[in-house]
Amino acid sequence: MNRNSFERALILIALAASSGSAMADPVADFYKGKTVTMVISSSPGGGYDILSRTIARHLTKHLGGSPTVVVRHMPGAGGIVTAKFLYSSAARDGSIIGGVQNNVPYEPLFGTKQADYDSNKLNWLGTPSVETGLLFSWHTSKFKTIEDVRNSEFTAGASGQNSAPAFYSRVLNELIGTKIKVIAGYPGQNEAYIAIERGELDSYGVTFWSSLTSTKQQWLRDKKINILVQYGPEKEADLPDVPYAPDFVKNPDDKALFEAAYGPLAAGRPFLMPPEVPADRLAAMRKAFMDTFRDEAFKADAKAANLIVDKPRSGEELQAQIARAYQAPPQVIARLRKIANPE
């Protein structure tokens, strides 16, 4: 080989090496052949388990390296056990992700003592949907509009005084002047629904629109209930004539309190990663989740399982929304904690 040929060969080798380096994907290299563990804060067999497994099946094809995604259950304390594991003990290399109940990002804000983690340091990945909360009455009830509930005592069932139905009842009393009396002690929503049908209760403290449409479609079809008010991060398009509770408040502190209070509804079914995950792996995982939520095959599987996945929010949106709640003025946070933790 003459000198010119030798130099050309060196140039080609250098160009090939440079091209290979440019095309390298460190995220794909990390995940290739690995197993990603999705830790879920619920027991097997429930809606969250079904949703998580459905996401896991589709997530792998949207993440570079196509790792295997397996689901592990870690129930306890309404999701706080999983949150504390992710915050304090889980590997921070991107191999562990989690799914928690939507109260979890806000428990420290509500003043829950065992929630000793910083929600703003956790890395939020997104949610396939958000929730709309409703207050309704039975069709034979004297309560036909939200104004009726602002003028007369209205009984709403709940499992306990610190449960979500009781909390949101107190929020509505505080912010829009309703006169909801919480009747605690019902094991769950189904038992309270039976009491509503019997005329023993006026309502349940909070019902999600997604739950109502999937479990009580006959109530809607047969006009068995009056939907009195709705609340959450946005007005439900399917309920254009139902009043939106945040429209009743004008004071800036009241508006901030409402946003913080319905934060869990805005979080939907949130997924997350531990703190300090490398930025490129976090970005890739957030994109993979959103690509999964937009995947027609995923949506078809979700529909077949009666899962609501129609209002996805990105990890960046969740992170910003959670941060805004914690930035509420001190007097707003004090009011929120008083509502969440009645004496």
Protein backbone atom coordinates (compact mmCIF):
# COMPACT_ATOMS: atom_id res chain seq x y z
CA MET A 1 0.00 0.00 0.00
CA ASN A 2 1.44 3.37 -1.02
CA ARG A 3 1.43 6.39 1.20
CA ASN A 4 -1.67 7.97 -0.36
CA SER A 5 -3.68 4.78 -0.05
CA PHE A 6 -2.57 4.38 3.54
CA GLU A 7 -3.64 7.94 4.39
CA ARG A 8 -7.03 7.41 2.71
CA ALA A 9 -7.53 4.23 4.71
CA LEU A 10 -6.78 6.06 7.94
CA ILE A 11 -9.27 8.79 7.04
CA LEU A 12 -12.00 6.22 6.29
CA ILE A 13 -11.36 4.44 9.60
CA ALA A 14 -11.53 7.75 11.45
CA LEU A 15 -14.76 8.71 9.69
CA ALA A 16 -16.32 5.34 10.48
CA ALA A 17 -15.35 5.62 14.13
CA SER A 18 -16.69 9.16 14.28
CA SER A 19 -19.98 8.09 12.67
CA GLY A 20 -20.38 5.17 15.04
CA SER A 21 -19.73 7.45 18.02
CA ALA A 22 -22.29 9.97 16.77
CA MET A 23 -24.91 7.26 16.37
CA ALA A 24 -24.33 5.75 19.80
CA ASP A 25 -27.31 6.02 22.18
CA PRO A 26 -26.17 5.84 25.81
CA VAL A 27 -29.76 5.48 27.05
CA ALA A 28 -30.43 2.53 24.74
CA ASP A 29 -27.08 1.05 25.70
CA PHE A 30 -28.03 1.28 29.38
CA TYR A 31 -31.46 -0.31 28.99
CA LYS A 32 -30.55 -3.01 26.49
CA GLY A 33 -30.91 -6.42 28.12
CA LYS A 34 -32.01 -4.91 31.45
CA THR A 35 -35.16 -5.36 33.51
CA VAL A 36 -37.01 -2.24 34.63
CA THR A 37 -39.10 -2.75 37.77
CA MET A 38 -42.39 -0.87 38.04
CA VAL A 39 -43.29 -0.66 41.74
CA ILE A 40 -47.04 -0.17 42.23
CA SER A 41 -48.61 1.06 45.47
CA SER A 42 -51.67 -1.16 45.20
CA SER A 43 -52.59 -4.80 45.61
CA PRO A 44 -52.84 -7.21 42.64
CA GLY A 45 -56.08 -7.42 40.73
CA GLY A 46 -57.37 -3.86 41.05
CA GLY A 47 -57.72 -1.12 38.49
CA TYR A 48 -54.26 0.29 39.16
CA ASP A 49 -52.71 -3.14 38.72
CA ILE A 50 -54.49 -3.62 35.38
CA LEU A 51 -53.48 -0.15 34.20
CA SER A 52 -49.85 -0.63 35.24
CA ARG A 53 -49.54 -3.99 33.50
CA THR A 54 -51.11 -2.56 30.36
CA ILE A 55 -48.61 0.30 30.36
CA ALA A 56 -45.72 -2.09 31.06
CA ARG A 57 -46.58 -4.23 28.03
CA HIS A 58 -46.38 -1.25 25.69
CA LEU A 59 -43.70 0.86 27.37
CA THR A 60 -40.83 -1.39 26.36
CA LYS A 61 -41.28 -0.72 22.63
CA HIS A 62 -41.09 3.05 23.18
CA LEU A 63 -37.91 3.00 25.27
CA GLY A 64 -34.49 2.71 23.69
CA GLY A 65 -32.92 -0.68 24.37
CA SER A 66 -36.37 -2.32 24.76
CA PRO A 67 -35.89 -3.49 28.36
CA THR A 68 -38.21 -5.96 30.02
CA VAL A 69 -40.68 -4.17 32.32
CA VAL A 70 -42.01 -6.12 35.30
CA VAL A 71 -44.60 -5.05 37.87
CA ARG A 72 -43.99 -5.40 41.61
CA HIS A 73 -46.58 -4.55 44.27
CA MET A 74 -45.84 -2.53 47.40
CA PRO A 75 -49.17 -1.49 48.95
CA GLY A 76 -49.46 0.42 52.19
CA ALA A 77 -50.60 3.73 53.71
CA GLY A 78 -52.42 4.87 50.59
CA GLY A 79 -49.28 4.87 48.47
CA ILE A 80 -46.96 6.48 51.01
CA VAL A 81 -44.97 3.26 51.51
CA THR A 82 -44.06 3.15 47.82
CA ALA A 83 -43.27 6.87 47.72
CA LYS A 84 -40.89 6.54 50.67
CA PHE A 85 -39.18 3.55 49.04
CA LEU A 86 -38.68 5.44 45.79
CA TYR A 87 -37.49 8.54 47.62
CA SER A 88 -35.05 6.90 50.03
CA SER A 89 -34.10 3.37 48.98
CA ALA A 90 -34.69 2.66 45.29
CA ALA A 91 -31.84 2.60 42.78
CA ARG A 92 -31.34 5.97 41.12
CA ASP A 93 -29.99 4.67 37.81
CA GLY A 94 -33.30 4.58 35.91
CA SER A 95 -34.03 0.89 36.47
CA ILE A 96 -36.84 1.56 38.98
CA ILE A 97 -40.09 3.37 38.22
CA GLY A 98 -43.24 3.60 40.31
CA GLY A 99 -46.97 4.15 40.19
CA VAL A 100 -48.81 5.69 43.14
CA GLN A 101 -52.25 6.93 44.13
CA ASN A 102 -52.87 10.54 43.22
CA ASN A 103 -52.91 11.70 46.85
CA VAL A 104 -49.23 10.79 47.24
CA PRO A 105 -47.64 13.91 45.69
CA TYR A 106 -49.71 16.09 48.05
CA GLU A 107 -49.54 14.26 51.38
CA PRO A 108 -46.57 16.33 52.65
CA LEU A 109 -48.47 19.48 51.64
CA PHE A 110 -51.55 18.27 53.54
CA GLY A 111 -49.41 17.81 56.64
CA THR A 112 -49.49 14.00 56.77
CA LYS A 113 -46.82 13.09 59.32
CA GLN A 114 -45.68 9.79 57.80
CA ALA A 115 -45.19 11.41 54.38
CA ASP A 116 -41.58 12.39 55.08
CA TYR A 117 -40.47 12.78 51.47
CA ASP A 118 -40.08 15.77 49.16
CA SER A 119 -42.52 15.47 46.26
CA ASN A 120 -40.62 18.11 44.30
CA LYS A 121 -37.45 15.98 44.32
CA LEU A 122 -39.25 12.94 42.96
CA ASN A 123 -39.24 12.77 39.16
CA TRP A 124 -42.78 12.63 37.76
CA LEU A 125 -43.25 10.77 34.47
CA GLY A 126 -46.88 11.48 33.56
CA THR A 127 -50.42 10.18 33.85
CA PRO A 128 -52.75 8.68 31.22
CA SER A 129 -55.72 10.66 32.54
CA VAL A 130 -56.94 13.26 35.01
CA GLU A 131 -60.03 13.04 37.20
CA THR A 132 -63.15 15.16 37.52
CA GLY A 133 -64.82 15.13 40.92
CA LEU A 134 -68.63 15.28 41.18
CA LEU A 135 -71.29 15.86 43.78
CA PHE A 136 -74.66 14.35 42.88
CA SER A 137 -78.04 13.60 44.43
CA TRP A 138 -80.59 10.82 43.81
CA HIS A 139 -83.34 11.69 41.35
CA THR A 140 -86.06 11.66 44.02
CA SER A 141 -84.09 13.94 46.37
CA LYS A 142 -85.18 17.50 47.10
CA PHE A 143 -81.67 18.61 46.09
CA LYS A 144 -81.84 19.43 42.39
CA THR A 145 -79.12 22.09 42.08
CA ILE A 146 -75.97 23.13 43.91
CA GLU A 147 -77.90 26.14 45.24
CA ASP A 148 -80.11 23.70 47.16
CA VAL A 149 -76.98 22.31 48.85
CA ARG A 150 -75.89 25.84 49.73
CA ASN A 151 -79.24 26.46 51.44
CA SER A 152 -79.98 23.20 53.31
CA GLU A 153 -78.02 20.48 55.12
CA PHE A 154 -76.97 17.73 52.75
CA THR A 155 -75.66 14.36 53.95
CA ALA A 156 -72.72 12.71 52.19
CA GLY A 157 -71.26 9.30 53.01
CA ALA A 158 -67.56 8.62 53.58
CA SER A 159 -65.38 5.89 55.05
CA GLY A 160 -63.76 8.23 57.58
CA GLN A 161 -63.25 11.89 58.39
CA ASN A 162 -59.81 11.88 56.73
CA SER A 163 -60.93 10.09 53.56
CA ALA A 164 -61.09 11.79 50.16
CA PRO A 165 -64.92 12.04 50.18
CA ALA A 166 -64.87 13.77 53.55
CA PHE A 167 -61.99 16.04 52.52
CA TYR A 168 -63.66 17.23 49.33
CA SER A 169 -66.95 17.77 51.15
CA ARG A 170 -65.14 20.11 53.54
CA VAL A 171 -63.42 21.86 50.62
CA LEU A 172 -66.78 22.60 49.00
CA ASN A 173 -68.19 23.82 52.32
CA GLU A 174 -65.20 26.10 52.79
CA LEU A 175 -65.02 27.55 49.30
CA ILE A 176 -68.51 27.62 47.79
CA GLY A 177 -70.66 27.66 50.91
CA THR A 178 -72.31 24.25 50.72
CA LYS A 179 -73.81 22.68 53.84
CA ILE A 180 -72.55 19.13 53.47
CA LYS A 181 -72.67 16.98 56.58
CA VAL A 182 -70.26 14.04 56.35
CA ILE A 183 -71.60 10.71 57.60
CA ALA A 184 -68.54 8.53 58.15
CA GLY A 185 -68.37 4.78 58.61
CA TYR A 186 -69.27 3.40 55.19
CA PRO A 187 -66.76 0.72 54.13
CA GLY A 188 -66.62 2.07 50.60
CA GLN A 189 -68.36 3.72 47.70
CA ASN A 190 -70.61 0.77 46.86
CA GLU A 191 -72.11 0.65 50.35
CA ALA A 192 -72.74 4.39 50.26
CA TYR A 193 -74.39 4.06 46.84
CA ILE A 194 -76.84 1.51 48.26
CA ALA A 195 -77.66 3.94 51.07
CA ILE A 196 -78.27 6.69 48.49
CA GLU A 197 -80.69 4.46 46.57
CA ARG A 198 -82.53 3.75 49.83
CA GLY A 199 -82.79 7.45 50.66
CA GLU A 200 -80.54 7.14 53.73
CA LEU A 201 -77.93 9.52 52.27
CA ASP A 202 -78.12 12.44 49.89
CA SER A 203 -74.80 11.62 48.22
CA TYR A 204 -71.25 10.28 48.46
CA GLY A 205 -68.58 12.83 49.30
CA VAL A 206 -66.80 12.60 45.97
CA THR A 207 -67.43 10.50 42.90
CA PHE A 208 -65.11 10.54 39.89
CA TRP A 209 -66.70 10.95 36.48
CA SER A 210 -64.54 8.11 35.13
CA SER A 211 -65.82 5.82 37.90
CA LEU A 212 -69.44 6.81 37.36
CA THR A 213 -69.31 6.19 33.60
CA SER A 214 -67.65 2.79 34.02
CA THR A 215 -69.63 1.42 36.99
CA LYS A 216 -72.98 3.23 37.01
CA GLN A 217 -73.74 3.79 33.35
CA GLN A 218 -77.37 2.78 34.01
CA TRP A 219 -77.77 5.67 36.46
CA LEU A 220 -76.78 8.09 33.72
CA ARG A 221 -78.86 6.34 31.06
CA ASP A 222 -81.99 6.24 33.22
CA LYS A 223 -81.46 9.73 34.71
CA LYS A 224 -81.32 8.34 38.23
CA ILE A 225 -79.08 11.12 39.56
CA ASN A 226 -78.79 14.89 39.49
CA ILE A 227 -75.18 15.97 38.98
CA LEU A 228 -74.97 19.14 41.06
CA VAL A 229 -71.41 20.39 40.63
CA GLN A 230 -68.07 19.34 39.17
CA TYR A 231 -64.49 20.25 40.08
CA GLY A 232 -60.96 19.35 39.07
CA PRO A 233 -58.19 20.65 36.81
CA GLU A 234 -60.63 21.34 33.97
CA LYS A 235 -64.33 21.21 33.19
CA GLU A 236 -65.51 17.85 31.88
CA ALA A 237 -66.52 18.19 28.22
CA ASP A 238 -69.31 15.64 28.66
CA LEU A 239 -70.92 17.81 31.36
CA PRO A 240 -71.24 21.23 29.71
CA ASP A 241 -74.32 22.25 31.74
CA VAL A 242 -73.04 21.18 35.16
CA PRO A 243 -71.64 24.10 37.24
CA TYR A 244 -67.86 24.15 37.73
CA ALA A 245 -67.05 24.76 41.39
CA PRO A 246 -63.91 26.92 40.82
CA ASP A 247 -66.11 29.41 38.94
CA PHE A 248 -67.79 30.25 42.26
CA VAL A 249 -64.61 31.60 43.85
CA LYS A 250 -63.12 35.02 43.13
CA ASN A 251 -60.66 35.62 45.98
CA PRO A 252 -57.05 34.80 44.90
CA ASP A 253 -56.38 32.83 48.10
CA ASP A 254 -59.55 30.81 47.55
CA LYS A 255 -58.51 30.08 43.98
CA ALA A 256 -55.06 28.97 45.17
CA LEU A 257 -56.67 26.76 47.82
CA PHE A 258 -58.92 25.15 45.23
CA GLU A 259 -55.97 24.41 42.94
CA ALA A 260 -54.00 22.84 45.78
CA ALA A 261 -57.03 20.86 46.99
CA TYR A 262 -57.87 19.33 43.64
CA GLY A 263 -54.20 18.67 42.88
CA PRO A 264 -54.73 14.90 43.34
CA LEU A 265 -57.45 14.98 40.68
CA ALA A 266 -55.04 16.73 38.31
CA ALA A 267 -52.42 14.04 39.04
CA GLY A 268 -54.75 11.30 37.77
CA ARG A 269 -52.78 8.05 37.95
CA PRO A 270 -49.22 9.37 38.39
CA PHE A 271 -46.03 7.47 37.56
CA LEU A 272 -42.61 8.51 38.78
CA MET A 273 -38.90 7.81 39.24
CA PRO A 274 -36.63 8.35 42.26
CA PRO A 275 -34.63 11.54 42.70
CA GLU A 276 -31.22 12.01 41.03
CA VAL A 277 -31.89 9.79 38.00
CA PRO A 278 -29.52 10.80 35.15
CA ALA A 279 -31.18 13.53 33.09
CA ASP A 280 -30.99 11.69 29.76
CA ARG A 281 -32.67 8.57 31.20
CA LEU A 282 -35.38 10.65 32.86
CA ALA A 283 -36.08 12.48 29.58
CA ALA A 284 -36.20 9.18 27.68
CA MET A 285 -38.58 7.63 30.22
CA ARG A 286 -40.90 10.64 30.15
CA LYS A 287 -41.02 10.49 26.37
CA ALA A 288 -41.60 6.74 26.44
CA PHE A 289 -44.59 7.19 28.76
CA MET A 290 -46.17 9.86 26.57
CA ASP A 291 -45.52 7.81 23.44
CA THR A 292 -47.21 4.86 25.17
CA PHE A 293 -50.24 6.97 26.13
CA ARG A 294 -50.60 8.04 22.48
CA ASP A 295 -50.10 4.52 21.14
CA GLU A 296 -53.28 3.28 19.43
CA ALA A 297 -52.54 -0.30 20.46
CA PHE A 298 -52.23 0.77 24.09
CA LYS A 299 -55.48 2.75 23.90
CA ALA A 300 -57.25 -0.25 22.40
CA ASP A 301 -56.02 -2.51 25.21
CA ALA A 302 -57.05 0.09 27.78
CA LYS A 303 -60.53 0.38 26.28
CA ALA A 304 -60.95 -3.40 26.35
CA ALA A 305 -60.10 -3.31 30.07
CA ASN A 306 -62.48 -0.35 30.74
CA LEU A 307 -59.57 1.92 31.63
CA ILE A 308 -59.86 5.70 31.20
CA VAL A 309 -56.78 7.00 29.37
CA ASP A 310 -58.19 9.94 27.43
CA LYS A 311 -56.47 12.93 29.07
CA PRO A 312 -52.74 12.24 29.32
CA ARG A 313 -50.39 14.71 30.98
CA SER A 314 -46.63 14.69 30.62
CA GLY A 315 -44.10 14.37 33.39
CA GLU A 316 -43.10 17.99 32.89
CA GLU A 317 -46.72 19.10 33.32
CA LEU A 318 -47.13 17.04 36.49
CA GLN A 319 -43.85 18.32 37.92
CA ALA A 320 -44.92 21.93 37.32
CA GLN A 321 -48.41 21.43 38.70
CA ILE A 322 -47.10 19.83 41.90
CA ALA A 323 -44.54 22.60 42.33
CA ARG A 324 -47.25 25.29 42.02
CA ALA A 325 -49.27 23.66 44.79
CA TYR A 326 -46.31 23.75 47.17
CA GLN A 327 -45.68 27.40 46.29
CA ALA A 328 -49.10 28.44 47.59
CA PRO A 329 -48.99 31.25 50.17
CA PRO A 330 -48.50 30.13 53.80
CA GLN A 331 -52.01 31.18 54.77
CA VAL A 332 -53.43 29.02 51.98
CA ILE A 333 -51.41 26.00 53.07
CA ALA A 334 -52.53 26.53 56.68
CA ARG A 335 -56.19 26.50 55.59
CA LEU A 336 -55.61 23.43 53.43
CA ARG A 337 -54.05 21.49 56.33
CA LYS A 338 -56.91 22.46 58.62
CA ILE A 339 -59.42 21.11 56.09
CA ALA A 340 -57.38 17.93 55.52
CA ASN A 341 -56.85 17.24 59.22
CA PRO A 342 -59.93 18.30 61.20
CA GLU A 343 -59.70 18.12 64.96
